[in-house]
C-alpha atoms as a PDB file:
ATOM      1  CA  MET A   1       1.412  18.781  -0.535  1.00  0.00           C
ATOM      2  CA  THR A   2       1.689  15.877  -2.960  1.00  0.00           C
ATOM      3  CA  ARG A   3      -1.305  13.477  -3.690  1.00  0.00           C
ATOM      4  CA  GLU A   4       0.657  10.693  -2.087  1.00  0.00           C
ATOM      5  CA  MET A   5       1.224  12.707   1.163  1.00  0.00           C
ATOM      6  CA  GLU A   6      -2.385  13.823   1.201  1.00  0.00           C
ATOM      7  CA  MET A   7      -3.548  10.150   1.102  1.00  0.00           C
ATOM      8  CA  ALA A   8      -1.136   9.075   3.817  1.00  0.00           C
ATOM      9  CA  LYS A   9      -2.334  12.196   6.090  1.00  0.00           C
ATOM     10  CA  LEU A  10      -5.975  11.132   5.615  1.00  0.00           C
ATOM     11  CA  ALA A  11      -5.133   7.494   6.441  1.00  0.00           C
ATOM     12  CA  CYS A  12      -3.382   8.548   9.588  1.00  0.00           C
ATOM     13  CA  LYS A  13      -6.358  10.854  10.690  1.00  0.00           C
ATOM     14  CA  ALA A  14      -8.747   8.106   9.861  1.00  0.00           C
ATOM     15  CA  LEU A  15      -6.756   5.605  11.988  1.00  0.00           C
ATOM     16  CA  ASP A  16      -6.409   8.150  14.819  1.00  0.00           C
ATOM     17  CA  GLU A  17     -10.149   8.697  14.879  1.00  0.00           C
ATOM     18  CA  LYS A  18     -10.684   5.147  15.680  1.00  0.00           C
ATOM     19  CA  LYS A  19      -7.938   5.225  18.476  1.00  0.00           C
ATOM     20  CA  GLY A  20      -5.354   3.508  16.369  1.00  0.00           C
ATOM     21  CA  LEU A  21      -2.176   2.796  18.329  1.00  0.00           C
ATOM     22  CA  ASP A  22       1.346   3.673  17.525  1.00  0.00           C
ATOM     23  CA  ILE A  23       0.672   5.079  14.046  1.00  0.00           C
ATOM     24  CA  LYS A  24       3.787   5.174  11.927  1.00  0.00           C
ATOM     25  CA  VAL A  25       4.453   6.573   8.489  1.00  0.00           C
ATOM     26  CA  ILE A  26       7.415   5.403   6.412  1.00  0.00           C
ATOM     27  CA  ASP A  27       8.551   7.001   3.232  1.00  0.00           C
ATOM     28  CA  ILE A  28       9.877   4.086   1.149  1.00  0.00           C
ATOM     29  CA  HIS A  29       9.745   5.869  -2.382  1.00  0.00           C
ATOM     30  CA  GLU A  30      13.585   5.910  -2.471  1.00  0.00           C
ATOM     31  CA  VAL A  31      13.959   2.153  -1.505  1.00  0.00           C
ATOM     32  CA  SER A  32      11.081   0.537  -3.331  1.00  0.00           C
ATOM     33  CA  VAL A  33       8.913   0.655  -6.374  1.00  0.00           C
ATOM     34  CA  LEU A  34       6.017  -0.843  -4.395  1.00  0.00           C
ATOM     35  CA  ALA A  35       4.705   2.450  -3.026  1.00  0.00           C
ATOM     36  CA  ASP A  36       5.687   5.982  -1.748  1.00  0.00           C
ATOM     37  CA  TYR A  37       4.389   5.596   1.846  1.00  0.00           C
ATOM     38  CA  PHE A  38       3.535   2.861   4.287  1.00  0.00           C
ATOM     39  CA  VAL A  39       1.076   3.747   6.997  1.00  0.00           C
ATOM     40  CA  ILE A  40       1.176   1.349   9.957  1.00  0.00           C
ATOM     41  CA  ALA A  41      -1.045   1.059  12.972  1.00  0.00           C
ATOM     42  CA  SER A  42      -2.205  -1.232  15.551  1.00  0.00           C
ATOM     43  CA  GLY A  43      -5.525  -2.088  17.075  1.00  0.00           C
ATOM     44  CA  SER A  44      -6.173  -3.740  20.422  1.00  0.00           C
ATOM     45  CA  ASN A  45      -8.630  -6.149  19.086  1.00  0.00           C
ATOM     46  CA  GLU A  46     -10.328  -7.685  16.034  1.00  0.00           C
ATOM     47  CA  ASN A  47     -13.313  -5.181  16.287  1.00  0.00           C
ATOM     48  CA  GLN A  48     -11.018  -2.122  16.441  1.00  0.00           C
ATOM     49  CA  VAL A  49      -8.938  -3.256  13.534  1.00  0.00           C
ATOM     50  CA  GLN A  50     -12.126  -3.672  11.462  1.00  0.00           C
ATOM     51  CA  ALA A  51     -13.254  -0.184  12.659  1.00  0.00           C
ATOM     52  CA  MET A  52     -10.026   1.357  11.685  1.00  0.00           C
ATOM     53  CA  MET A  53     -10.213  -0.417   8.136  1.00  0.00           C
ATOM     54  CA  ASP A  54     -13.696   0.828   7.550  1.00  0.00           C
ATOM     55  CA  ASN A  55     -12.844   4.389   8.660  1.00  0.00           C
ATOM     56  CA  VAL A  56      -9.663   4.515   6.329  1.00  0.00           C
ATOM     57  CA  GLU A  57     -11.773   3.231   3.392  1.00  0.00           C
ATOM     58  CA  GLU A  58     -14.522   5.719   4.112  1.00  0.00           C
ATOM     59  CA  VAL A  59     -12.281   8.863   4.657  1.00  0.00           C
ATOM     60  CA  LEU A  60     -10.104   8.139   1.685  1.00  0.00           C
ATOM     61  CA  GLY A  61     -13.186   7.251  -0.519  1.00  0.00           C
ATOM     62  CA  LYS A  62     -14.813  10.602   0.262  1.00  0.00           C
ATOM     63  CA  ALA A  63     -11.508  12.239  -0.923  1.00  0.00           C
ATOM     64  CA  GLY A  64     -11.837  10.422  -4.176  1.00  0.00           C
ATOM     65  CA  TYR A  65      -9.366   7.613  -3.435  1.00  0.00           C
ATOM     66  CA  GLU A  66     -10.302   3.936  -3.979  1.00  0.00           C
ATOM     67  CA  PRO A  67      -8.281   0.939  -2.964  1.00  0.00           C
ATOM     68  CA  LYS A  68      -6.664  -1.198  -5.645  1.00  0.00           C
ATOM     69  CA  GLN A  69      -6.988  -4.110  -3.315  1.00  0.00           C
ATOM     70  CA  ILE A  70      -7.767  -4.944   0.402  1.00  0.00           C
ATOM     71  CA  GLU A  71      -6.241  -8.076   1.905  1.00  0.00           C
ATOM     72  CA  GLY A  72      -7.586  -9.426   5.320  1.00  0.00           C
ATOM     73  CA  GLY A  73     -10.835  -8.280   6.442  1.00  0.00           C
ATOM     74  CA  ARG A  74     -13.615  -9.179   8.721  1.00  0.00           C
ATOM     75  CA  THR A  75     -11.708 -11.618  10.857  1.00  0.00           C
ATOM     76  CA  SER A  76      -8.150 -10.776  10.172  1.00  0.00           C
ATOM     77  CA  SER A  77      -5.331  -9.819  12.486  1.00  0.00           C
ATOM     78  CA  TRP A  78      -3.666  -7.935   9.652  1.00  0.00           C
ATOM     79  CA  VAL A  79      -5.403  -5.882   6.995  1.00  0.00           C
ATOM     80  CA  LEU A  80      -3.359  -4.468   4.011  1.00  0.00           C
ATOM     81  CA  MET A  81      -5.117  -1.639   2.106  1.00  0.00           C
ATOM     82  CA  ASP A  82      -3.283  -0.979  -1.186  1.00  0.00           C
ATOM     83  CA  TYR A  83      -3.996   2.394  -2.694  1.00  0.00           C
ATOM     84  CA  GLY A  84      -1.106   2.346  -5.095  1.00  0.00           C
ATOM     85  CA  ASP A  85       1.193   4.964  -3.907  1.00  0.00           C
ATOM     86  CA  VAL A  86       0.137   4.504  -0.225  1.00  0.00           C
ATOM     87  CA  ILE A  87      -0.205   1.208   1.430  1.00  0.00           C
ATOM     88  CA  VAL A  88      -1.934   0.992   4.889  1.00  0.00           C
ATOM     89  CA  HIS A  89      -1.203  -1.765   7.242  1.00  0.00           C
ATOM     90  CA  ILE A  90      -3.476  -2.364  10.237  1.00  0.00           C
ATOM     91  CA  PHE A  91      -2.449  -4.974  12.754  1.00  0.00           C
ATOM     92  CA  ASP A  92      -3.520  -6.404  16.045  1.00  0.00           C
ATOM     93  CA  GLU A  93      -0.670  -5.722  18.519  1.00  0.00           C
ATOM     94  CA  GLU A  94       0.685  -9.349  18.557  1.00  0.00           C
ATOM     95  CA  ASN A  95       0.887  -9.625  14.792  1.00  0.00           C
ATOM     96  CA  ARG A  96       2.547  -6.156  14.636  1.00  0.00           C
ATOM     97  CA  LEU A  97       5.277  -7.448  16.733  1.00  0.00           C
ATOM     98  CA  PHE A  98       5.626 -10.544  14.897  1.00  0.00           C
ATOM     99  CA  TYR A  99       5.891  -9.176  11.420  1.00  0.00           C
ATOM    100  CA  ASP A 100       7.896  -6.019  12.490  1.00  0.00           C
ATOM    101  CA  LEU A 101       7.526  -4.017   9.270  1.00  0.00           C
ATOM    102  CA  GLU A 102       9.350  -1.013  10.884  1.00  0.00           C
ATOM    103  CA  ARG A 103      12.401  -3.184  11.023  1.00  0.00           C
ATOM    104  CA  ILE A 104      12.091  -4.669   7.554  1.00  0.00           C
ATOM    105  CA  TRP A 105      11.533  -1.244   6.068  1.00  0.00           C
ATOM    106  CA  ARG A 106      14.205   0.556   8.210  1.00  0.00           C
ATOM    107  CA  ASP A 107      15.932   1.766   4.986  1.00  0.00           C
ATOM    108  CA  GLY A 108      12.842   4.066   4.572  1.00  0.00           C
ATOM    109  CA  LYS A 109      12.655   7.496   6.204  1.00  0.00           C
ATOM    110  CA  THR A 110      10.149   7.550   9.223  1.00  0.00           C
ATOM    111  CA  VAL A 111       7.792  10.592   8.836  1.00  0.00           C
ATOM    112  CA  ASP A 112       6.621  12.250  12.003  1.00  0.00           C
ATOM    113  CA  SER A 113       3.101  11.163  12.063  1.00  0.00           C
ATOM    114  CA  GLU A 114       2.114  13.841  14.552  1.00  0.00           C
ATOM    115  CA  GLU A 115       2.647  16.416  11.827  1.00  0.00           C
ATOM    116  CA  PHE A 116       0.240  14.266   9.625  1.00  0.00           C
ATOM    117  CA  LEU A 117      -2.455  14.448  12.479  1.00  0.00           C
ATOM    118  CA  LYS A 118      -2.513  18.283  12.646  1.00  0.00           C
END
């Protein structure tokens, strides 16, 4: 397993532990130089979005991965966590529908996130 895939897998597990909704992984390495993977999940409210963000940061941190940057935060409806090769997007449900990253990045390959959660 590549380093990037391990990071995406850890992020998926961290989001799932906090009951993240509709977790998606998109492999964008062939269509963008931004990153190799986008991990996208929804939370049902601001507190859940925050808990998911905190858990991703903790789980990836324990594995030795530090974010280059985090946009959004304590009162955000969209958090972007940039780990270089992996970018984690955590939305509330309304903003996820509005921004629709899955449609924007449809040229990427959707990875079966269930495989990442095993």
